[in-house]
């Protein structure tokens, strides 16, 4: 009986922890767009659900007025993540490079980031938490990679130093 109990505990510990699973009834009020307009830029983006309940982050990046980025942020109550080692995201991009970002504390001035390439098809992006490196305003900081037991924010950012339109469909974000 003791072995069975241990196996049950291990099974639940190994299960993914869903951060957000989009569907037709998803509440998007805690998802916030932050474009370069906060610094005088002209990039514009939107975030909405499509008819299938998939999150769509899309827009246009402009380099005018020193612009060049758009981001989508999701803040939530502090989540304990110490038993997880990676983030798994089901998405479909447009062949462009994006960044996945997290913050262990929303008061931090920097984020931990990992760039990822989209293929134009549905894919699962897997990012080891320990690979997320600290960055502020596009510059890598001389600090250790992510090693916190908590997160309070995640984000997607596009900023490839060129004017371009973009479209990223997001289905599910989970910890494993």
C-alpha atoms as a PDB file:
ATOM      1  CA  UNK A   1       0.000   0.000   0.000  1.00  0.00           C
ATOM      2  CA  UNK A   2       2.875   2.382   0.780  1.00  0.00           C
ATOM      3  CA  UNK A   3       4.367   1.905  -2.703  1.00  0.00           C
ATOM      4  CA  UNK A   4       0.982   2.671  -4.246  1.00  0.00           C
ATOM      5  CA  UNK A   5       0.746   5.928  -2.255  1.00  0.00           C
ATOM      6  CA  UNK A   6       4.222   6.958  -3.371  1.00  0.00           C
ATOM      7  CA  UNK A   7       3.334   6.238  -6.996  1.00  0.00           C
ATOM      8  CA  UNK A   8       0.169   8.336  -6.720  1.00  0.00           C
ATOM      9  CA  UNK A   9       2.141  11.238  -5.247  1.00  0.00           C
ATOM     10  CA  UNK A  10       4.783  10.970  -7.988  1.00  0.00           C
ATOM     11  CA  UNK A  11       2.088  10.868 -10.654  1.00  0.00           C
ATOM     12  CA  UNK A  12       0.559  14.133  -9.450  1.00  0.00           C
ATOM     13  CA  UNK A  13       3.940  15.801  -9.037  1.00  0.00           C
ATOM     14  CA  UNK A  14       4.832  14.953 -12.620  1.00  0.00           C
ATOM     15  CA  UNK A  15       1.630  16.375 -14.069  1.00  0.00           C
ATOM     16  CA  UNK A  16       1.714  19.694 -15.815  1.00  0.00           C
ATOM     17  CA  UNK A  17       0.423  22.793 -14.076  1.00  0.00           C
ATOM     18  CA  UNK A  18      -1.671  24.846 -16.455  1.00  0.00           C
ATOM     19  CA  UNK A  19      -1.056  28.577 -16.259  1.00  0.00           C
ATOM     20  CA  UNK A  20      -3.598  29.456 -18.948  1.00  0.00           C
ATOM     21  CA  UNK A  21      -5.634  27.263 -21.292  1.00  0.00           C
ATOM     22  CA  UNK A  22      -7.507  29.381 -23.818  1.00  0.00           C
ATOM     23  CA  UNK A  23     -11.096  28.561 -24.723  1.00  0.00           C
ATOM     24  CA  UNK A  24     -14.210  30.362 -25.968  1.00  0.00           C
ATOM     25  CA  UNK A  25     -15.061  31.557 -22.435  1.00  0.00           C
ATOM     26  CA  UNK A  26     -11.555  32.712 -21.425  1.00  0.00           C
ATOM     27  CA  UNK A  27     -11.432  35.972 -19.499  1.00  0.00           C
ATOM     28  CA  UNK A  28      -8.719  38.156 -21.028  1.00  0.00           C
ATOM     29  CA  UNK A  29      -8.963  41.083 -18.595  1.00  0.00           C
ATOM     30  CA  UNK A  30      -5.608  40.240 -16.941  1.00  0.00           C
ATOM     31  CA  UNK A  31      -3.819  40.152 -20.316  1.00  0.00           C
ATOM     32  CA  UNK A  32      -2.320  43.562 -21.109  1.00  0.00           C
ATOM     33  CA  UNK A  33      -0.764  44.928 -24.299  1.00  0.00           C
ATOM     34  CA  UNK A  34       2.373  47.031 -23.805  1.00  0.00           C
ATOM     35  CA  UNK A  35       3.629  48.489 -27.072  1.00  0.00           C
ATOM     36  CA  UNK A  36       6.561  50.820 -27.652  1.00  0.00           C
ATOM     37  CA  UNK A  37       4.052  53.696 -27.469  1.00  0.00           C
ATOM     38  CA  UNK A  38       5.012  53.870 -23.767  1.00  0.00           C
ATOM     39  CA  UNK A  39       8.321  55.299 -25.046  1.00  0.00           C
ATOM     40  CA  UNK A  40       6.917  57.335 -27.950  1.00  0.00           C
ATOM     41  CA  UNK A  41       6.946  54.548 -30.561  1.00  0.00           C
ATOM     42  CA  UNK A  42       4.214  53.807 -33.082  1.00  0.00           C
ATOM     43  CA  UNK A  43       3.777  50.032 -32.928  1.00  0.00           C
ATOM     44  CA  UNK A  44       0.219  48.794 -32.393  1.00  0.00           C
ATOM     45  CA  UNK A  45      -1.133  45.411 -31.392  1.00  0.00           C
ATOM     46  CA  UNK A  46      -4.276  43.709 -30.167  1.00  0.00           C
ATOM     47  CA  UNK A  47      -5.190  40.592 -28.236  1.00  0.00           C
ATOM     48  CA  UNK A  48      -8.482  38.745 -28.603  1.00  0.00           C
ATOM     49  CA  UNK A  49     -10.035  35.299 -28.835  1.00  0.00           C
ATOM     50  CA  UNK A  50     -10.880  33.831 -32.219  1.00  0.00           C
ATOM     51  CA  UNK A  51     -14.047  31.809 -32.890  1.00  0.00           C
ATOM     52  CA  UNK A  52     -12.295  28.636 -31.664  1.00  0.00           C
ATOM     53  CA  UNK A  53     -11.256  30.210 -28.354  1.00  0.00           C
ATOM     54  CA  UNK A  54      -7.584  30.622 -29.274  1.00  0.00           C
ATOM     55  CA  UNK A  55      -5.758  33.762 -28.106  1.00  0.00           C
ATOM     56  CA  UNK A  56      -4.572  35.939 -31.009  1.00  0.00           C
ATOM     57  CA  UNK A  57      -1.788  38.463 -30.407  1.00  0.00           C
ATOM     58  CA  UNK A  58      -1.268  40.449 -33.601  1.00  0.00           C
ATOM     59  CA  UNK A  59      -0.237  43.827 -34.859  1.00  0.00           C
ATOM     60  CA  UNK A  60       2.355  45.929 -36.613  1.00  0.00           C
ATOM     61  CA  UNK A  61       5.828  46.834 -35.417  1.00  0.00           C
ATOM     62  CA  UNK A  62       7.027  50.297 -36.386  1.00  0.00           C
ATOM     63  CA  UNK A  63      10.543  51.671 -36.003  1.00  0.00           C
ATOM     64  CA  UNK A  64       9.264  55.269 -36.096  1.00  0.00           C
ATOM     65  CA  UNK A  65      10.108  57.461 -33.087  1.00  0.00           C
ATOM     66  CA  UNK A  66      12.643  54.881 -31.829  1.00  0.00           C
ATOM     67  CA  UNK A  67       9.951  52.214 -31.576  1.00  0.00           C
ATOM     68  CA  UNK A  68      10.263  48.564 -32.382  1.00  0.00           C
ATOM     69  CA  UNK A  69       8.436  46.226 -29.995  1.00  0.00           C
ATOM     70  CA  UNK A  70       5.092  44.956 -28.852  1.00  0.00           C
ATOM     71  CA  UNK A  71       4.378  42.755 -25.853  1.00  0.00           C
ATOM     72  CA  UNK A  72       1.520  40.878 -24.273  1.00  0.00           C
ATOM     73  CA  UNK A  73       1.667  40.469 -20.489  1.00  0.00           C
ATOM     74  CA  UNK A  74      -0.278  38.295 -18.087  1.00  0.00           C
ATOM     75  CA  UNK A  75      -0.076  38.980 -14.347  1.00  0.00           C
ATOM     76  CA  UNK A  76      -1.493  36.618 -11.754  1.00  0.00           C
ATOM     77  CA  UNK A  77      -1.255  35.744  -8.087  1.00  0.00           C
ATOM     78  CA  UNK A  78       2.132  34.324  -7.166  1.00  0.00           C
ATOM     79  CA  UNK A  79       2.429  30.693  -8.287  1.00  0.00           C
ATOM     80  CA  UNK A  80       4.787  28.219  -6.649  1.00  0.00           C
ATOM     81  CA  UNK A  81       6.768  26.458  -9.362  1.00  0.00           C
ATOM     82  CA  UNK A  82       9.610  24.755  -7.483  1.00  0.00           C
ATOM     83  CA  UNK A  83       8.566  21.259  -8.574  1.00  0.00           C
ATOM     84  CA  UNK A  84       8.588  22.205 -12.291  1.00  0.00           C
ATOM     85  CA  UNK A  85      11.554  22.537 -14.629  1.00  0.00           C
ATOM     86  CA  UNK A  86      10.133  23.833 -17.891  1.00  0.00           C
ATOM     87  CA  UNK A  87       7.403  25.815 -19.598  1.00  0.00           C
ATOM     88  CA  UNK A  88       5.445  24.227 -22.438  1.00  0.00           C
ATOM     89  CA  UNK A  89       3.518  26.492 -24.798  1.00  0.00           C
ATOM     90  CA  UNK A  90       1.202  25.324 -27.575  1.00  0.00           C
ATOM     91  CA  UNK A  91       1.111  28.015 -30.240  1.00  0.00           C
ATOM     92  CA  UNK A  92       1.180  28.864 -33.904  1.00  0.00           C
ATOM     93  CA  UNK A  93       3.330  31.714 -35.065  1.00  0.00           C
ATOM     94  CA  UNK A  94       4.098  33.296 -38.394  1.00  0.00           C
ATOM     95  CA  UNK A  95       7.689  32.145 -38.829  1.00  0.00           C
ATOM     96  CA  UNK A  96       9.078  35.040 -36.794  1.00  0.00           C
ATOM     97  CA  UNK A  97      11.189  35.075 -33.646  1.00  0.00           C
ATOM     98  CA  UNK A  98       9.448  35.966 -30.378  1.00  0.00           C
ATOM     99  CA  UNK A  99      10.520  36.100 -26.762  1.00  0.00           C
ATOM    100  CA  UNK A 100       8.886  34.315 -23.864  1.00  0.00           C
ATOM    101  CA  UNK A 101       9.384  36.249 -20.614  1.00  0.00           C
ATOM    102  CA  UNK A 102       8.677  35.657 -16.948  1.00  0.00           C
ATOM    103  CA  UNK A 103       9.038  37.589 -13.718  1.00  0.00           C
ATOM    104  CA  UNK A 104       9.320  35.990 -10.323  1.00  0.00           C
ATOM    105  CA  UNK A 105       8.295  39.304  -8.770  1.00  0.00           C
ATOM    106  CA  UNK A 106       6.313  41.961 -10.646  1.00  0.00           C
ATOM    107  CA  UNK A 107       8.297  44.663  -8.840  1.00  0.00           C
ATOM    108  CA  UNK A 108      11.517  43.532 -10.581  1.00  0.00           C
ATOM    109  CA  UNK A 109      12.700  45.981 -13.246  1.00  0.00           C
ATOM    110  CA  UNK A 110      13.964  43.140 -15.460  1.00  0.00           C
ATOM    111  CA  UNK A 111      12.512  39.960 -16.953  1.00  0.00           C
ATOM    112  CA  UNK A 112      13.905  36.510 -17.577  1.00  0.00           C
ATOM    113  CA  UNK A 113      13.686  35.757 -21.280  1.00  0.00           C
ATOM    114  CA  UNK A 114      14.076  33.009 -23.863  1.00  0.00           C
ATOM    115  CA  UNK A 115      13.771  33.670 -27.598  1.00  0.00           C
ATOM    116  CA  UNK A 116      11.933  31.107 -29.710  1.00  0.00           C
ATOM    117  CA  UNK A 117      11.406  30.624 -33.432  1.00  0.00           C
ATOM    118  CA  UNK A 118       7.930  29.963 -34.782  1.00  0.00           C
ATOM    119  CA  UNK A 119       7.346  27.731 -37.801  1.00  0.00           C
ATOM    120  CA  UNK A 120       4.024  28.902 -39.232  1.00  0.00           C
ATOM    121  CA  UNK A 121       2.421  25.659 -37.985  1.00  0.00           C
ATOM    122  CA  UNK A 122       1.063  24.523 -34.629  1.00  0.00           C
ATOM    123  CA  UNK A 123       3.944  23.593 -32.365  1.00  0.00           C
ATOM    124  CA  UNK A 124       4.846  22.980 -28.744  1.00  0.00           C
ATOM    125  CA  UNK A 125       7.622  25.206 -27.547  1.00  0.00           C
ATOM    126  CA  UNK A 126       9.428  23.788 -24.504  1.00  0.00           C
ATOM    127  CA  UNK A 127      11.638  26.175 -22.527  1.00  0.00           C
ATOM    128  CA  UNK A 128      13.703  24.943 -19.586  1.00  0.00           C
ATOM    129  CA  UNK A 129      13.255  27.439 -16.745  1.00  0.00           C
ATOM    130  CA  UNK A 130      16.995  27.407 -16.071  1.00  0.00           C
ATOM    131  CA  UNK A 131      17.616  28.685 -19.632  1.00  0.00           C
ATOM    132  CA  UNK A 132      15.698  31.930 -19.031  1.00  0.00           C
ATOM    133  CA  UNK A 133      18.266  34.710 -18.693  1.00  0.00           C
ATOM    134  CA  UNK A 134      17.829  38.159 -17.105  1.00  0.00           C
ATOM    135  CA  UNK A 135      17.398  41.069 -19.496  1.00  0.00           C
ATOM    136  CA  UNK A 136      16.405  44.724 -19.309  1.00  0.00           C
ATOM    137  CA  UNK A 137      15.563  46.852 -22.352  1.00  0.00           C
ATOM    138  CA  UNK A 138      17.174  44.378 -24.717  1.00  0.00           C
ATOM    139  CA  UNK A 139      20.392  43.972 -22.765  1.00  0.00           C
ATOM    140  CA  UNK A 140      21.410  40.803 -21.002  1.00  0.00           C
ATOM    141  CA  UNK A 141      22.235  41.434 -17.349  1.00  0.00           C
ATOM    142  CA  UNK A 142      25.250  40.057 -15.544  1.00  0.00           C
ATOM    143  CA  UNK A 143      23.162  37.986 -13.137  1.00  0.00           C
ATOM    144  CA  UNK A 144      22.338  34.281 -12.841  1.00  0.00           C
ATOM    145  CA  UNK A 145      19.637  32.680 -14.962  1.00  0.00           C
ATOM    146  CA  UNK A 146      16.169  32.082 -13.521  1.00  0.00           C
ATOM    147  CA  UNK A 147      16.150  29.978 -10.352  1.00  0.00           C
ATOM    148  CA  UNK A 148      13.160  31.231  -8.361  1.00  0.00           C
ATOM    149  CA  UNK A 149      10.453  29.082  -6.798  1.00  0.00           C
ATOM    150  CA  UNK A 150       7.734  31.554  -7.865  1.00  0.00           C
ATOM    151  CA  UNK A 151       6.388  33.470 -10.838  1.00  0.00           C
ATOM    152  CA  UNK A 152       3.906  36.359 -10.986  1.00  0.00           C
ATOM    153  CA  UNK A 153       4.004  37.400 -14.641  1.00  0.00           C
ATOM    154  CA  UNK A 154       4.596  35.983 -18.075  1.00  0.00           C
ATOM    155  CA  UNK A 155       4.823  37.765 -21.390  1.00  0.00           C
ATOM    156  CA  UNK A 156       5.348  37.384 -25.101  1.00  0.00           C
ATOM    157  CA  UNK A 157       7.345  40.024 -26.939  1.00  0.00           C
ATOM    158  CA  UNK A 158       8.256  40.669 -30.546  1.00  0.00           C
ATOM    159  CA  UNK A 159      11.007  43.139 -31.365  1.00  0.00           C
ATOM    160  CA  UNK A 160      13.176  42.019 -34.271  1.00  0.00           C
ATOM    161  CA  UNK A 161      14.578  45.485 -35.108  1.00  0.00           C
ATOM    162  CA  UNK A 162      12.474  45.804 -38.242  1.00  0.00           C
ATOM    163  CA  UNK A 163       9.076  47.074 -39.305  1.00  0.00           C
ATOM    164  CA  UNK A 164       6.803  44.063 -39.716  1.00  0.00           C
ATOM    165  CA  UNK A 165       3.339  42.726 -39.094  1.00  0.00           C
ATOM    166  CA  UNK A 166       2.978  39.736 -36.784  1.00  0.00           C
ATOM    167  CA  UNK A 167       0.451  37.182 -35.615  1.00  0.00           C
ATOM    168  CA  UNK A 168       0.873  34.710 -32.761  1.00  0.00           C
ATOM    169  CA  UNK A 169      -1.890  32.255 -31.823  1.00  0.00           C
ATOM    170  CA  UNK A 170      -1.654  30.939 -28.258  1.00  0.00           C
ATOM    171  CA  UNK A 171      -3.568  27.866 -27.113  1.00  0.00           C
ATOM    172  CA  UNK A 172      -2.053  26.759 -23.800  1.00  0.00           C
ATOM    173  CA  UNK A 173       0.740  27.647 -21.385  1.00  0.00           C
ATOM    174  CA  UNK A 174       1.765  25.101 -18.750  1.00  0.00           C
ATOM    175  CA  UNK A 175       4.589  24.131 -16.433  1.00  0.00           C
ATOM    176  CA  UNK A 176       6.074  20.646 -16.520  1.00  0.00           C
END
